[in-house]
Amino acid sequence: MTSFRIRPVVLEDLGQLKELMHRYIVDFYKGKTPEGSKLDDHIKHLLSSDEAGTQFVAETEDGRLAGFATLYFSLSTTRLQKIAILNDLFVDADFRGAGLGEKMFLHVLEYTKKEGYAYMTWQTAIDNTSAQALYKKMGGKNINSEWIHYEIEH
């Protein structure tokens, strides 16, 4: 069984992380291939900005990146505290089914507790039932009955 180390992203992860994020964006979510250096720039921005967010990777014993999680940071007026948004939690297909998603979720949840965030929030697609099962198992609550999510695409 493969063991994993979950840790913050470092600049040396750029190549492998870009590949993982590309599979997440294009293969998993069927999005457009990021243009030019946009993906590089995004990763580097998170590495250089403590206010914007942070990323974590799951690394195998032989240095292969098996998954990543991205937290973005914001503020809550009603709580007068910072909040964390789990925007991405992705495990490469080769490593699914071994509990890595659960380990990564617990890692980022513990990070947000330790760093004093009021709460961690996230969303997932209606048809992503495997992610929904994980989030329910982890104690997540669907708050759609309380709030309506809107978006305007440009």
Protein backbone atom coordinates (compact mmCIF):
# COMPACT_ATOMS: atom_id res chain seq x y z
CA MET A 1 0.00 0.00 0.00
CA THR A 2 1.29 3.44 -0.93
CA SER A 3 1.83 5.93 1.86
CA PHE A 4 1.33 9.64 1.35
CA ARG A 5 2.68 12.80 2.88
CA ILE A 6 0.37 15.80 2.74
CA ARG A 7 2.26 19.07 2.72
CA PRO A 8 2.09 22.65 1.43
CA VAL A 9 2.97 23.24 -2.21
CA VAL A 10 6.50 24.44 -2.98
CA LEU A 11 7.81 25.97 -6.21
CA GLU A 12 9.51 22.70 -7.13
CA ASP A 13 6.04 21.10 -7.42
CA LEU A 14 5.10 23.39 -10.32
CA GLY A 15 5.50 20.85 -13.15
CA GLN A 16 3.65 17.98 -11.50
CA LEU A 17 1.02 20.22 -9.95
CA LYS A 18 0.26 21.78 -13.33
CA GLU A 19 -0.33 18.29 -14.74
CA LEU A 20 -2.67 17.39 -11.88
CA MET A 21 -4.56 20.67 -12.17
CA HIS A 22 -4.86 20.23 -15.92
CA ARG A 23 -6.43 16.78 -15.43
CA TYR A 24 -8.77 18.30 -12.84
CA ILE A 25 -9.82 21.25 -15.03
CA VAL A 26 -9.95 19.58 -18.45
CA ASP A 27 -10.49 15.86 -17.88
CA PHE A 28 -12.55 15.80 -14.69
CA TYR A 29 -14.60 19.02 -15.05
CA LYS A 30 -14.45 19.18 -18.87
CA GLY A 31 -13.23 22.78 -18.76
CA LYS A 32 -11.09 24.58 -21.32
CA THR A 33 -7.34 24.08 -21.41
CA PRO A 34 -5.79 27.03 -19.57
CA GLU A 35 -4.17 29.47 -21.98
CA GLY A 36 -0.49 30.32 -21.99
CA SER A 37 1.04 30.75 -18.55
CA LYS A 38 -2.28 31.21 -16.69
CA LEU A 39 -1.93 27.98 -14.70
CA ASP A 40 1.72 28.69 -13.80
CA ASP A 41 0.79 32.23 -12.79
CA HIS A 42 -2.09 31.02 -10.64
CA ILE A 43 0.04 28.53 -8.73
CA LYS A 44 2.82 31.09 -8.26
CA HIS A 45 0.31 33.68 -7.02
CA LEU A 46 -0.90 31.32 -4.31
CA LEU A 47 2.70 30.56 -3.36
CA SER A 48 3.50 34.25 -2.98
CA SER A 49 0.29 35.54 -1.36
CA ASP A 50 -0.59 34.47 2.17
CA GLU A 51 -3.82 36.47 1.90
CA ALA A 52 -5.17 34.84 -1.28
CA GLY A 53 -4.99 31.20 -0.29
CA THR A 54 -2.82 28.14 -0.14
CA GLN A 55 -2.45 24.73 -1.73
CA PHE A 56 -1.52 21.33 -0.37
CA VAL A 57 -0.35 18.23 -2.21
CA ALA A 58 -0.32 14.54 -1.38
CA GLU A 59 3.07 13.10 -2.28
CA THR A 60 4.00 9.43 -2.60
CA GLU A 61 7.19 7.97 -1.13
CA ASP A 62 8.86 8.23 -4.55
CA GLY A 63 7.95 11.91 -5.01
CA ARG A 64 4.90 11.58 -7.26
CA LEU A 65 2.04 14.00 -6.60
CA ALA A 66 -1.19 12.05 -6.14
CA GLY A 67 -3.61 14.87 -5.35
CA PHE A 68 -4.04 18.48 -4.38
CA ALA A 69 -6.31 20.73 -2.35
CA THR A 70 -6.77 24.47 -2.75
CA LEU A 71 -8.01 26.82 -0.05
CA TYR A 72 -8.95 30.42 -0.81
CA PHE A 73 -9.36 32.92 1.99
CA SER A 74 -12.02 35.52 2.63
CA LEU A 75 -13.70 37.28 5.55
CA SER A 76 -17.05 36.89 7.26
CA THR A 77 -18.82 40.08 8.29
CA THR A 78 -21.26 38.20 10.51
CA ARG A 79 -18.46 36.36 12.32
CA LEU A 80 -15.82 39.11 12.05
CA GLN A 81 -13.29 36.40 11.30
CA LYS A 82 -11.46 35.01 8.34
CA ILE A 83 -12.99 32.03 6.51
CA ALA A 84 -11.54 29.35 4.25
CA ILE A 85 -13.10 28.13 1.03
CA LEU A 86 -12.09 24.64 -0.04
CA ASN A 87 -12.23 25.28 -3.76
CA ASP A 88 -10.52 22.12 -4.97
CA LEU A 89 -9.94 18.62 -3.63
CA PHE A 90 -8.65 16.30 -6.31
CA VAL A 91 -7.10 12.84 -6.19
CA ASP A 92 -5.54 11.46 -9.37
CA ALA A 93 -7.44 8.46 -10.76
CA ASP A 94 -4.45 6.16 -10.11
CA PHE A 95 -4.76 6.76 -6.35
CA ARG A 96 -8.53 6.81 -5.79
CA GLY A 97 -10.19 4.34 -3.47
CA ALA A 98 -7.41 4.29 -0.87
CA GLY A 99 -8.85 6.97 1.44
CA LEU A 100 -6.55 9.74 0.21
CA GLY A 101 -9.41 12.19 -0.36
CA GLU A 102 -10.49 11.72 3.25
CA LYS A 103 -6.92 12.24 4.50
CA MET A 104 -6.53 15.41 2.45
CA PHE A 105 -9.89 16.74 3.64
CA LEU A 106 -8.96 16.14 7.28
CA HIS A 107 -5.60 17.82 6.70
CA VAL A 108 -7.08 21.03 5.30
CA LEU A 109 -9.83 21.03 7.94
CA GLU A 110 -7.22 20.77 10.70
CA TYR A 111 -5.20 23.54 9.04
CA THR A 112 -8.21 25.88 9.08
CA LYS A 113 -8.90 25.11 12.75
CA LYS A 114 -5.28 25.61 13.76
CA GLU A 115 -5.02 28.89 11.83
CA GLY A 116 -8.17 30.34 13.44
CA TYR A 117 -10.63 30.37 10.55
CA ALA A 118 -14.29 30.71 11.58
CA TYR A 119 -15.23 27.89 9.24
CA MET A 120 -14.36 26.08 6.05
CA THR A 121 -16.92 26.04 3.27
CA TRP A 122 -17.04 24.23 -0.07
CA GLN A 123 -19.36 23.14 -2.83
CA THR A 124 -19.48 20.31 -5.33
CA ALA A 125 -21.40 19.51 -8.47
CA ILE A 126 -24.85 17.98 -8.10
CA ASP A 127 -23.77 14.90 -10.07
CA ASN A 128 -20.51 14.36 -8.14
CA THR A 129 -21.99 11.74 -5.82
CA SER A 130 -18.64 10.28 -4.77
CA ALA A 131 -17.52 13.68 -3.44
CA GLN A 132 -20.89 14.15 -1.74
CA ALA A 133 -20.48 10.80 0.02
CA LEU A 134 -17.04 11.85 1.28
CA TYR A 135 -18.28 15.22 2.51
CA LYS A 136 -21.24 13.67 4.34
CA LYS A 137 -18.89 11.14 5.94
CA MET A 138 -16.64 13.98 7.09
CA GLY A 139 -19.57 15.75 8.78
CA GLY A 140 -20.28 18.31 6.06
CA LYS A 141 -23.79 19.71 5.83
CA ASN A 142 -25.50 20.76 2.63
CA ILE A 143 -26.65 24.31 3.31
CA ASN A 144 -28.54 24.78 0.05
CA SER A 145 -31.79 25.05 1.99
CA GLU A 146 -30.40 28.18 3.66
CA TRP A 147 -28.64 29.94 0.79
CA ILE A 148 -28.95 30.16 -2.96
CA HIS A 149 -25.71 30.13 -4.93
CA TYR A 150 -25.57 32.59 -7.85
CA GLU A 151 -22.92 33.09 -10.50
CA ILE A 152 -22.49 35.33 -13.51
CA GLU A 153 -20.12 33.94 -16.12
CA HIS A 154 -18.01 36.31 -18.25
